[in-house]
């Protein structure tokens, strides 16, 4: 497995399209992970989780962090 294949699966983009040119893959991955970080921040704030932590996790792990955050139960306010 080379870096291009790893990056494709890690970002989830390889699931959508089997082959992307490497510069396109990197640019799209950066844009998607930025948006994933924003979405994680919103979901974390609305569900009672630390928003800064989940923003970093969203920027790092992308769609996989969003899926994890959506599956976590909503925290009750004290």
Protein backbone atom coordinates (compact mmCIF):
# COMPACT_ATOMS: atom_id res chain seq x y z
CA UNK A 1 0.00 0.00 0.00
CA UNK A 2 1.51 3.31 -1.03
CA UNK A 3 0.83 6.73 0.50
CA UNK A 4 -1.69 7.69 -2.18
CA UNK A 5 -3.87 4.63 -1.50
CA UNK A 6 -3.58 5.15 2.27
CA UNK A 7 -4.57 8.81 1.98
CA UNK A 8 -7.50 7.88 -0.25
CA UNK A 9 -8.91 5.42 2.28
CA UNK A 10 -8.04 7.56 5.32
CA UNK A 11 -9.98 10.51 3.92
CA UNK A 12 -12.79 8.37 2.57
CA UNK A 13 -12.32 9.78 -0.94
CA UNK A 14 -11.22 6.45 -2.41
CA UNK A 15 -14.65 5.06 -1.56
CA UNK A 16 -16.24 7.75 -3.74
CA UNK A 17 -13.84 7.50 -6.68
CA UNK A 18 -11.34 4.73 -7.24
CA UNK A 19 -8.54 6.89 -8.62
CA UNK A 20 -7.81 10.58 -8.23
CA UNK A 21 -4.64 12.32 -9.32
CA UNK A 22 -2.39 12.87 -6.30
CA UNK A 23 -2.54 16.72 -6.34
CA UNK A 24 -6.34 16.53 -6.63
CA UNK A 25 -6.50 14.00 -3.81
CA UNK A 26 -4.39 16.15 -1.48
CA UNK A 27 -6.29 19.37 -2.24
CA UNK A 28 -9.67 17.71 -1.86
CA UNK A 29 -8.56 15.96 1.34
CA UNK A 30 -7.47 19.27 2.89
CA UNK A 31 -10.76 20.95 1.99
CA UNK A 32 -12.85 18.02 3.21
CA UNK A 33 -10.93 17.73 6.50
CA UNK A 34 -11.35 21.45 7.14
CA UNK A 35 -15.10 21.09 6.70
CA UNK A 36 -15.10 17.93 8.83
CA UNK A 37 -13.40 19.86 11.62
CA UNK A 38 -16.08 22.56 11.46
CA UNK A 39 -18.86 19.96 11.49
CA UNK A 40 -17.29 18.16 14.46
CA UNK A 41 -17.11 21.45 16.33
CA UNK A 42 -20.81 22.11 15.74
CA UNK A 43 -21.90 18.58 16.64
CA UNK A 44 -19.72 18.57 19.78
CA UNK A 45 -21.07 21.92 20.96
CA UNK A 46 -24.67 20.82 20.40
CA UNK A 47 -24.16 17.45 22.10
CA UNK A 48 -22.20 18.66 25.13
CA UNK A 49 -18.70 17.48 24.21
CA UNK A 50 -15.47 19.56 24.27
CA UNK A 51 -15.58 21.51 21.02
CA UNK A 52 -11.83 22.24 20.74
CA UNK A 53 -10.91 18.59 21.17
CA UNK A 54 -13.45 17.47 18.58
CA UNK A 55 -12.37 20.18 16.15
CA UNK A 56 -8.82 18.80 16.23
CA UNK A 57 -10.12 15.23 15.90
CA UNK A 58 -12.26 16.30 12.93
CA UNK A 59 -9.31 17.99 11.24
CA UNK A 60 -7.17 14.91 11.82
CA UNK A 61 -9.52 11.99 11.24
CA UNK A 62 -12.18 13.60 9.04
CA UNK A 63 -15.28 11.57 8.31
CA UNK A 64 -14.29 8.92 10.84
CA UNK A 65 -14.42 11.49 13.68
CA UNK A 66 -17.83 12.70 12.52
CA UNK A 67 -19.20 9.16 12.49
CA UNK A 68 -17.85 8.56 16.01
CA UNK A 69 -19.31 11.82 17.30
CA UNK A 70 -22.72 11.14 15.76
CA UNK A 71 -22.83 7.68 17.37
CA UNK A 72 -21.93 8.98 20.85
CA UNK A 73 -24.89 9.64 23.16
CA UNK A 74 -25.87 13.23 23.87
CA UNK A 75 -24.50 14.46 27.19
CA UNK A 76 -26.94 15.75 29.76
CA UNK A 77 -26.34 19.27 31.08
CA UNK A 78 -25.66 19.44 34.79
